[in-house]
Protein backbone atom coordinates (compact mmCIF):
# COMPACT_ATOMS: atom_id res chain seq x y z
CA MET A 1 -0.02 0.00 0.00
CA GLU A 2 2.94 2.18 0.32
CA LYS A 3 3.36 2.41 -3.51
CA TRP A 4 -0.06 3.63 -3.62
CA LYS A 5 0.72 6.92 -2.12
CA HIS A 6 3.70 7.38 -4.63
CA PHE A 7 1.51 6.83 -7.74
CA PRO A 8 0.60 10.05 -9.76
CA GLY A 9 -3.00 11.18 -9.32
CA VAL A 10 -3.73 10.17 -12.89
CA PHE A 11 -3.01 6.49 -12.06
CA ARG A 12 -4.89 6.57 -8.88
CA ARG A 13 -7.96 7.94 -10.62
CA LYS A 14 -7.70 5.49 -13.45
CA ILE A 15 -7.26 2.51 -11.13
CA LEU A 16 -10.10 3.47 -8.86
CA LEU A 17 -12.52 4.31 -11.57
CA THR A 18 -11.83 1.19 -13.76
CA ALA A 19 -12.08 -1.05 -10.81
CA LEU A 20 -15.40 0.58 -9.66
CA THR A 21 -16.82 0.40 -13.01
CA GLY A 22 -16.00 -3.29 -13.24
CA LEU A 23 -17.44 -4.00 -9.77
CA GLY A 24 -20.54 -1.88 -10.51
CA CYS A 25 -21.24 -3.78 -13.89
CA GLY A 26 -20.70 -7.19 -12.16
CA THR A 27 -22.87 -6.26 -9.16
CA VAL A 28 -25.84 -4.92 -11.40
CA ALA A 29 -25.48 -8.11 -13.61
CA THR A 30 -25.58 -10.28 -10.48
CA VAL A 31 -28.65 -8.55 -9.15
CA VAL A 32 -30.51 -8.85 -12.53
CA PHE A 33 -29.48 -12.57 -12.85
CA LEU A 34 -30.90 -13.24 -9.30
CA VAL A 35 -34.03 -11.43 -9.99
CA SER A 36 -34.92 -12.50 -13.58
CA ASN A 37 -32.50 -15.53 -14.13
CA ASP A 38 -31.17 -13.81 -17.19
CA ARG A 39 -27.89 -15.59 -18.09
CA THR A 40 -27.04 -13.50 -20.84
CA MET A 41 -26.79 -10.41 -18.68
CA MET A 42 -24.79 -12.39 -16.09
CA MET A 43 -22.28 -13.43 -18.82
CA LEU A 44 -21.93 -9.88 -20.14
CA GLY A 45 -21.42 -8.55 -16.65
CA ALA A 46 -18.75 -11.11 -16.03
CA ILE A 47 -16.99 -10.21 -19.31
CA ILE A 48 -16.96 -6.63 -18.35
CA LEU A 49 -15.77 -7.25 -14.83
CA LEU A 50 -12.92 -9.39 -16.03
CA MET A 51 -11.89 -6.70 -18.67
CA CYS A 52 -11.95 -3.96 -16.09
CA ALA A 53 -9.96 -6.08 -13.64
CA TYR A 54 -7.32 -6.67 -16.50
CA LYS A 55 -7.17 -2.92 -17.22
CA THR A 56 -6.82 -2.16 -13.49
CA ILE A 57 -4.03 -4.71 -13.03
CA SER A 58 -2.46 -3.18 -16.17
CA PHE A 59 -2.54 0.27 -14.79
CA TRP A 60 -1.35 -0.78 -11.49
CA ASN A 61 1.74 -2.60 -13.12
CA CYS A 62 2.46 0.42 -15.17
CA ALA A 63 2.55 2.71 -12.30
CA ALA A 64 4.15 0.47 -9.91
CA GLY A 65 7.01 -0.57 -12.39
CA GLU A 66 7.17 3.12 -13.67
CA HIS A 67 6.54 1.92 -17.13
CA TYR A 68 5.34 5.33 -18.31
CA HIS A 69 6.90 8.56 -19.42
CA VAL A 70 5.69 12.15 -18.62
CA LEU A 71 5.62 15.22 -20.95
CA SER A 72 4.92 18.62 -19.37
CA GLY A 73 4.85 22.06 -20.69
CA TYR A 74 2.92 24.77 -22.35
CA CYS A 75 0.07 23.85 -24.78
CA HIS A 76 -0.63 25.54 -27.97
CA ILE A 77 -3.56 24.60 -30.13
CA PRO A 78 -3.07 25.92 -33.75
CA LYS A 79 -6.25 27.24 -35.33
CA SER A 80 -7.06 24.75 -38.05
CA TYR A 81 -10.16 22.85 -39.10
CA SER A 82 -10.33 19.23 -38.95
CA PRO A 83 -13.49 17.15 -39.73
CA LEU A 84 -12.26 14.42 -37.41
CA ARG A 85 -12.75 14.26 -33.63
CA ILE A 86 -9.01 15.05 -33.13
CA ARG A 87 -6.96 18.22 -33.00
CA LYS A 88 -3.36 19.12 -33.17
CA VAL A 89 -1.80 20.03 -29.88
CA ILE A 90 1.78 21.50 -29.67
CA LEU A 91 3.39 20.88 -26.17
CA THR A 92 6.49 23.05 -25.59
CA ASP A 93 8.55 21.99 -22.50
CA SER A 94 10.73 24.22 -20.47
CA ASN A 95 13.72 23.65 -22.73
CA GLY A 96 11.91 24.86 -25.76
CA VAL A 97 11.42 21.41 -27.34
CA GLU A 98 8.20 21.13 -29.06
CA THR A 99 6.17 17.80 -29.30
CA THR A 100 3.09 17.54 -31.52
CA LEU A 101 0.22 15.34 -30.39
CA LEU A 102 -3.00 14.51 -31.95
CA LEU A 103 -5.73 14.55 -29.27
CA ASP A 104 -9.33 14.03 -28.87
CA ARG A 105 -11.27 17.31 -28.79
CA LYS A 106 -13.09 16.21 -25.60
CA ALA A 107 -9.57 15.80 -23.83
CA GLY A 108 -10.17 19.10 -22.14
CA ILE A 109 -6.92 20.77 -23.04
CA LYS A 110 -7.16 24.52 -23.46
CA ASP A 111 -4.79 26.66 -25.24
CA GLY A 112 -2.24 28.64 -23.27
CA LEU A 113 -2.14 26.48 -20.13
CA TYR A 114 0.57 24.19 -18.82
CA TYR A 115 -0.16 20.45 -18.55
CA ARG A 116 1.60 17.18 -17.57
CA LEU A 117 0.66 14.25 -20.00
CA TYR A 118 1.30 10.73 -18.94
CA PHE A 119 2.06 8.14 -21.60
CA GLN A 120 2.34 4.26 -21.11
CA GLY A 121 5.78 2.75 -22.11
CA ALA A 122 8.63 4.69 -23.78
CA LEU A 123 8.60 7.40 -26.36
CA PRO A 124 8.10 6.03 -29.73
CA GLU A 125 11.00 6.53 -32.23
CA ASN A 126 10.42 9.21 -34.98
CA THR A 127 9.51 8.02 -38.25
CA GLY A 128 10.03 11.20 -40.15
CA ASN A 129 6.30 11.64 -40.98
CA GLU A 130 5.07 14.43 -38.64
CA ARG A 131 1.45 13.23 -38.45
CA LEU A 132 2.31 9.73 -37.95
CA ASP A 133 4.59 10.48 -35.05
CA ALA A 134 2.04 12.65 -33.44
CA ALA A 135 -0.50 9.92 -33.79
CA MET A 136 1.89 7.30 -32.42
CA ARG A 137 2.71 9.39 -29.34
CA SER A 138 -0.89 10.20 -28.61
CA ASP A 139 -1.99 6.48 -28.82
CA THR A 140 -0.48 5.72 -25.63
CA LEU A 141 -1.96 8.53 -23.59
CA ILE A 142 -2.99 7.51 -20.17
CA GLY A 143 -4.18 10.77 -18.71
CA LEU A 144 -3.34 14.56 -18.22
CA GLU A 145 -3.29 17.11 -15.50
CA GLN A 146 -3.22 20.83 -15.60
CA ILE A 147 -0.22 22.29 -13.80
CA ASP A 148 -0.03 25.74 -12.05
CA PRO A 149 2.37 28.06 -13.88
CA GLU A 150 3.87 29.19 -10.58
CA TYR A 151 4.79 25.47 -9.99
CA ILE A 152 6.68 25.35 -13.23
CA GLU A 153 8.60 28.55 -12.34
CA ARG A 154 9.53 27.08 -8.94
CA GLU A 155 10.67 23.75 -10.49
CA ILE A 156 12.71 25.60 -13.17
CA SER A 157 14.44 27.92 -10.55
CA GLU A 158 15.32 24.64 -8.40
CA CYS A 159 16.93 23.04 -11.40
CA LEU A 160 19.02 26.24 -12.18
CA GLN A 161 20.16 26.42 -8.56
CA LYS A 162 21.50 22.96 -8.62
């Protein structure tokens, strides 16, 4: 349980919500089965419960083994029209390195704010195709959190002092 305290908030939320979703579906399916003897509902509930348990264990192993990487920085969303549900987001870190991502419009990212994005596994290699690289990076997104700009300034000043 000591590891749980050191997990980033994104992982804790993902683990809890995924586990609760599976338990909720399993419980509802069991109640429906007991009331109406509906085996199909019981099987569907069991499948959802097992899938959620697998994802919960996967998130736990990823966080506990630190099999993830973090990108943080200033987000800029270029003004462009895309008929798809994705939009281009440019993340600029404190060193000025830009990373292009293709994220869902409903991800909640706003232009001009600082974010920390968590990705599963290691950063994929660059292929040379900007759009393909952005899609491959975005495919492993676990979650994101907004960062206070004052926290970034303190972090940079601490790094400069060392």
